Amino acid sequence: MSKGINVLCGFHAIETALTADRHSIGEIVHYGMKESSRLSNLLSRARSSGVKIRRAQKKELDNLAGDVRHQGVVGLLVRVPGEGLSELRTWLNEFVGVPLITILDGLEDPRNVGACLRTAAAARVDAVIIPVKGGAGLTPAALRVAEGGFHRLKIFEVGNWSQVLKMLKTAGIWVLGASEKGSISLDEFDLTVPVAWIFGSEATGIRQISEKHCDALVRVPTENDFPSLNGAVATGVALFETKRQRKVHSKNCSSA
């Protein structure tokens, strides 16, 4: 993701950003001679938070949003959501508990990236890791689909992929690749341990460099004659199965 200004499109994404703990909107651009009640409320909240407001022509908003539907309002982000390698290292050293990490390994479709981020937020994952190079990244289209979910996540954008995966393993985290080629089924694997799930691209799956570092390849138990799932769907299945197992494990430990 570039280190410049990035864009949130539409009411829900901007409203979520304004209410999140990490305020990152520096300016809101909108158009229209008459303001709807929803726009008026949004602009009022933005002003109270010190966000700059500017009216512009529809053409400018179209240019800012690209092919993303903006509903007549965009938010310009002045702080990049993703953090880097040194922040990831610090986070791993300071984290307390049993981490659940999502790794988006080169997803090409920004809508799938956004859907995975939204799912990760709903599953309350502890962190999301994506590569600096390769994949769609945190584009306006991805952020739009995420519906503000990325504001609820700890997101790291990192290079030196092998180093990152080795760092996770050194921290005692199981690196699992979600793959239809997996030799073990999702419902047969113990997911109560620290886990970093890798989800690969829509076309080619997990990259070879990532697969080489996986402790195991795990498959979703689909029908044998139809093994492939959309990346965002597979992400949801794997994350919520992990949450389910941990909830059952915690309940059993409490009652023991």
Protein backbone atom coordinates (compact mmCIF):
# COMPACT_ATOMS: atom_id res chain seq x y z
CA MET A 1 0.00 0.00 0.00
CA SER A 2 1.34 3.40 -0.86
CA LYS A 3 2.30 5.75 1.92
CA GLY A 4 0.13 8.57 0.55
CA ILE A 5 -3.51 9.42 1.02
CA ASN A 6 -5.97 6.54 0.62
CA VAL A 7 -9.70 6.57 0.23
CA LEU A 8 -12.75 5.22 2.06
CA CYS A 9 -15.92 5.24 -0.02
CA GLY A 10 -19.52 5.43 1.19
CA PHE A 11 -21.34 6.19 4.41
CA HIS A 12 -20.86 2.99 6.38
CA ALA A 13 -17.10 2.75 5.92
CA ILE A 14 -16.63 6.42 6.92
CA GLU A 15 -19.03 6.22 9.89
CA THR A 16 -17.18 3.16 11.19
CA ALA A 17 -13.85 4.93 10.84
CA LEU A 18 -15.13 7.95 12.79
CA THR A 19 -16.30 5.78 15.69
CA ALA A 20 -13.24 3.52 15.77
CA ASP A 21 -10.50 3.98 18.32
CA ARG A 22 -7.98 4.65 15.57
CA HIS A 23 -9.21 7.80 13.82
CA SER A 24 -7.47 7.97 10.46
CA ILE A 25 -9.67 10.25 8.32
CA GLY A 26 -8.11 13.63 7.64
CA GLU A 27 -10.65 14.99 5.19
CA ILE A 28 -14.15 14.22 3.93
CA VAL A 29 -15.07 15.22 0.39
CA HIS A 30 -18.72 15.30 -0.70
CA TYR A 31 -20.91 16.77 -3.38
CA GLY A 32 -24.54 17.82 -3.79
CA MET A 33 -26.45 21.04 -3.29
CA LYS A 34 -28.75 19.49 -0.68
CA GLU A 35 -27.47 17.48 2.25
CA SER A 36 -29.40 14.44 3.41
CA SER A 37 -29.93 13.94 7.13
CA ARG A 38 -27.40 11.10 7.09
CA LEU A 39 -24.79 13.25 5.39
CA SER A 40 -25.50 16.16 7.75
CA ASN A 41 -25.04 13.90 10.77
CA LEU A 42 -21.85 12.43 9.34
CA LEU A 43 -20.37 15.86 8.60
CA SER A 44 -21.31 17.12 12.06
CA ARG A 45 -19.55 14.18 13.71
CA ALA A 46 -16.53 14.69 11.47
CA ARG A 47 -16.25 18.38 12.33
CA SER A 48 -16.42 17.61 16.05
CA SER A 49 -13.50 15.22 15.56
CA GLY A 50 -11.45 17.85 13.77
CA VAL A 51 -11.84 16.34 10.31
CA LYS A 52 -11.65 18.77 7.40
CA ILE A 53 -14.82 19.00 5.23
CA ARG A 54 -14.80 19.94 1.55
CA ARG A 55 -17.51 20.09 -1.12
CA ALA A 56 -16.45 19.06 -4.62
CA GLN A 57 -17.85 18.18 -8.02
CA LYS A 58 -19.04 14.63 -8.63
CA LYS A 59 -16.25 14.17 -11.18
CA GLU A 60 -13.61 14.64 -8.48
CA LEU A 61 -15.24 12.05 -6.24
CA ASP A 62 -15.47 9.65 -9.18
CA ASN A 63 -11.75 10.11 -9.76
CA LEU A 64 -10.94 9.56 -6.09
CA ALA A 65 -13.09 6.46 -5.79
CA GLY A 66 -12.15 4.84 -9.10
CA ASP A 67 -14.66 2.09 -9.84
CA VAL A 68 -15.96 1.97 -6.26
CA ARG A 69 -19.48 3.29 -5.50
CA HIS A 70 -19.01 6.28 -3.20
CA GLN A 71 -22.61 7.43 -2.46
CA GLY A 72 -21.52 11.05 -2.84
CA VAL A 73 -19.01 11.02 0.00
CA VAL A 74 -15.41 9.85 0.41
CA GLY A 75 -12.99 9.96 3.32
CA LEU A 76 -9.31 10.62 2.69
CA LEU A 77 -7.08 8.61 4.98
CA VAL A 78 -3.95 10.36 6.13
CA ARG A 79 -2.56 7.41 8.03
CA VAL A 80 -1.92 4.02 6.46
CA PRO A 81 -3.72 1.25 8.40
CA GLY A 82 -1.01 -1.36 7.85
CA GLU A 83 2.08 -1.47 10.06
CA GLY A 84 5.50 -2.87 9.17
CA LEU A 85 7.91 -5.62 10.12
CA SER A 86 9.35 -3.97 13.23
CA GLU A 87 5.85 -3.35 14.59
CA LEU A 88 4.96 -6.99 13.89
CA ARG A 89 8.01 -8.16 15.80
CA THR A 90 7.12 -5.94 18.77
CA TRP A 91 3.50 -7.10 18.69
CA LEU A 92 4.53 -10.76 18.74
CA ASN A 93 6.88 -10.19 21.67
CA GLU A 94 4.23 -8.37 23.68
CA PHE A 95 1.13 -10.40 22.82
CA VAL A 96 -0.46 -12.27 25.72
CA GLY A 97 -2.77 -15.19 25.04
CA VAL A 98 -3.31 -17.68 22.23
CA PRO A 99 -3.06 -15.71 18.98
CA LEU A 100 -5.23 -16.21 15.93
CA ILE A 101 -3.66 -14.62 12.86
CA THR A 102 -4.93 -14.36 9.29
CA ILE A 103 -2.42 -14.18 6.43
CA LEU A 104 -3.76 -13.10 3.03
CA ASP A 105 -1.16 -14.48 0.65
CA GLY A 106 -1.47 -12.54 -2.58
CA LEU A 107 -5.23 -12.36 -3.12
CA GLU A 108 -5.77 -10.64 -6.46
CA ASP A 109 -9.41 -9.58 -6.19
CA PRO A 110 -9.85 -6.53 -3.93
CA ARG A 111 -13.41 -7.62 -3.18
CA ASN A 112 -12.08 -10.88 -1.76
CA VAL A 113 -9.48 -8.98 0.27
CA GLY A 114 -12.25 -6.79 1.68
CA ALA A 115 -14.49 -9.78 2.39
CA CYS A 116 -11.64 -11.54 4.20
CA LEU A 117 -10.96 -8.44 6.31
CA ARG A 118 -14.64 -8.16 7.20
CA THR A 119 -14.72 -11.85 8.16
CA ALA A 120 -11.53 -11.48 10.20
CA ALA A 121 -13.06 -8.57 12.10
CA ALA A 122 -16.24 -10.57 12.75
CA ALA A 123 -14.14 -13.48 14.05
CA ARG A 124 -12.08 -11.12 16.23
CA VAL A 125 -8.75 -12.31 14.89
CA ASP A 126 -5.77 -10.80 16.63
CA ALA A 127 -3.87 -9.70 13.51
CA VAL A 128 -3.91 -9.77 9.72
CA ILE A 129 -0.72 -9.98 7.67
CA ILE A 130 -0.51 -9.18 3.97
CA PRO A 131 2.48 -8.81 1.63
CA VAL A 132 3.66 -5.36 0.58
CA LYS A 133 4.11 -6.70 -2.94
CA GLY A 134 1.77 -9.18 -4.56
CA GLY A 135 -1.99 -9.19 -4.35
CA ALA A 136 -4.56 -6.43 -4.43
CA GLY A 137 -3.60 -4.84 -1.11
CA LEU A 138 -5.70 -2.35 0.84
CA THR A 139 -7.28 -0.57 -2.12
CA PRO A 140 -10.41 1.61 -1.92
CA ALA A 141 -12.42 -1.29 -3.35
CA ALA A 142 -11.14 -3.65 -0.65
CA LEU A 143 -11.83 -1.13 2.12
CA ARG A 144 -15.34 -0.55 0.78
CA VAL A 145 -16.17 -4.28 0.90
CA ALA A 146 -14.59 -4.55 4.36
CA GLU A 147 -17.31 -2.13 5.57
CA GLY A 148 -14.95 -0.48 8.04
CA GLY A 149 -13.79 -3.85 9.40
CA PHE A 150 -10.14 -2.96 8.96
CA HIS A 151 -10.48 -0.34 11.71
CA ARG A 152 -11.15 -3.20 14.13
CA LEU A 153 -8.05 -5.12 13.08
CA LYS A 154 -4.33 -5.03 13.67
CA ILE A 155 -3.00 -5.09 10.11
CA PHE A 156 0.62 -5.58 9.07
CA GLU A 157 1.92 -5.08 5.52
CA VAL A 158 5.32 -6.67 5.28
CA GLY A 159 8.04 -7.71 2.86
CA ASN A 160 10.73 -10.40 3.27
CA TRP A 161 8.07 -13.08 3.38
CA SER A 162 10.28 -15.98 4.52
CA GLN A 163 11.52 -13.92 7.46
CA VAL A 164 7.96 -13.13 8.51
CA LEU A 165 6.87 -16.78 8.48
CA LYS A 166 10.00 -17.87 10.33
CA MET A 167 9.30 -15.16 12.92
CA LEU A 168 5.83 -16.57 13.51
CA LYS A 169 7.15 -20.11 13.93
CA THR A 170 9.86 -18.93 16.32
CA ALA A 171 7.11 -17.32 18.40
CA GLY A 172 5.51 -20.75 18.79
CA ILE A 173 2.72 -20.17 16.29
CA TRP A 174 1.54 -22.96 14.01
CA VAL A 175 1.55 -21.78 10.39
CA LEU A 176 -1.32 -23.53 8.61
CA GLY A 177 -2.08 -23.34 4.92
CA ALA A 178 -5.72 -23.59 3.87
CA SER A 179 -5.54 -25.82 0.80
CA GLU A 180 -7.68 -28.38 -0.97
CA LYS A 181 -4.44 -30.38 -1.27
CA GLY A 182 -4.25 -30.69 2.51
CA SER A 183 -3.70 -34.13 3.98
CA ILE A 184 -5.72 -33.36 7.11
CA SER A 185 -9.28 -32.12 7.41
CA LEU A 186 -10.16 -28.89 9.22
CA ASP A 187 -12.37 -30.71 11.74
CA GLU A 188 -9.55 -33.15 12.59
CA PHE A 189 -6.88 -30.56 13.42
CA ASP A 190 -6.34 -29.19 16.94
CA LEU A 191 -6.87 -25.46 16.53
CA THR A 192 -6.67 -24.59 20.22
CA VAL A 193 -2.94 -23.90 19.74
CA PRO A 194 -1.55 -20.55 18.51
CA VAL A 195 -2.43 -20.43 14.81
CA ALA A 196 -1.60 -18.33 11.76
CA TRP A 197 -3.87 -19.26 8.85
CA ILE A 198 -2.57 -18.65 5.32
CA PHE A 199 -5.19 -18.11 2.61
CA GLY A 200 -3.92 -18.00 -0.96
CA SER A 201 -4.98 -16.33 -4.19
CA GLU A 202 -8.13 -17.20 -6.09
CA ALA A 203 -6.30 -18.65 -9.08
CA THR A 204 -3.18 -20.37 -7.73
CA GLY A 205 -3.74 -20.76 -4.01
CA ILE A 206 -0.91 -20.44 -1.51
CA ARG A 207 2.40 -19.34 -2.99
CA GLN A 208 5.24 -21.87 -3.02
CA ILE A 209 7.34 -19.68 -0.71
CA SER A 210 4.51 -19.77 1.85
CA GLU A 211 3.72 -23.45 1.46
CA LYS A 212 7.36 -24.28 2.15
CA HIS A 213 7.04 -22.78 5.64
CA CYS A 214 3.66 -24.29 6.53
CA ASP A 215 3.55 -26.72 9.45
CA ALA A 216 0.54 -28.36 7.79
CA LEU A 217 -1.81 -27.98 4.85
CA VAL A 218 -5.41 -28.21 6.05
CA ARG A 219 -8.44 -28.71 3.83
CA VAL A 220 -12.05 -27.74 4.38
CA PRO A 221 -14.06 -30.99 4.40
CA THR A 222 -16.03 -30.35 1.22
CA GLU A 223 -17.56 -32.94 -1.09
CA ASN A 224 -14.85 -34.90 -2.93
CA ASP A 225 -16.15 -33.97 -6.38
CA PHE A 226 -16.27 -30.23 -5.56
CA PRO A 227 -13.26 -29.40 -3.35
CA SER A 228 -12.72 -25.73 -4.25
CA LEU A 229 -14.13 -22.79 -2.28
CA ASN A 230 -14.01 -19.04 -2.78
CA GLY A 231 -11.13 -17.58 -0.76
CA ALA A 232 -13.36 -15.43 1.43
CA VAL A 233 -15.68 -18.37 2.14
CA ALA A 234 -12.76 -20.64 3.05
CA THR A 235 -11.43 -17.92 5.35
CA GLY A 236 -14.74 -17.73 7.19
CA VAL A 237 -15.04 -21.49 7.58
CA ALA A 238 -11.50 -21.88 8.91
CA LEU A 239 -11.62 -18.91 11.29
CA PHE A 240 -14.94 -19.78 12.85
CA GLU A 241 -14.01 -23.45 13.23
CA THR A 242 -10.93 -22.22 15.09
CA LYS A 243 -13.11 -20.04 17.32
CA ARG A 244 -15.53 -22.94 17.91
CA GLN A 245 -12.79 -25.33 18.99
CA ARG A 246 -11.29 -22.78 21.34
CA LYS A 247 -14.64 -22.02 22.92
CA VAL A 248 -15.30 -25.72 23.55
CA HIS A 249 -11.76 -26.17 24.91
CA SER A 250 -12.15 -23.20 27.26
CA LYS A 251 -15.51 -24.47 28.51
CA ASN A 252 -14.11 -27.96 29.14
CA CYS A 253 -11.13 -26.52 31.03
CA SER A 254 -13.43 -24.37 33.18
CA SER A 255 -15.61 -27.33 34.12
CA ALA A 256 -12.70 -29.69 34.79
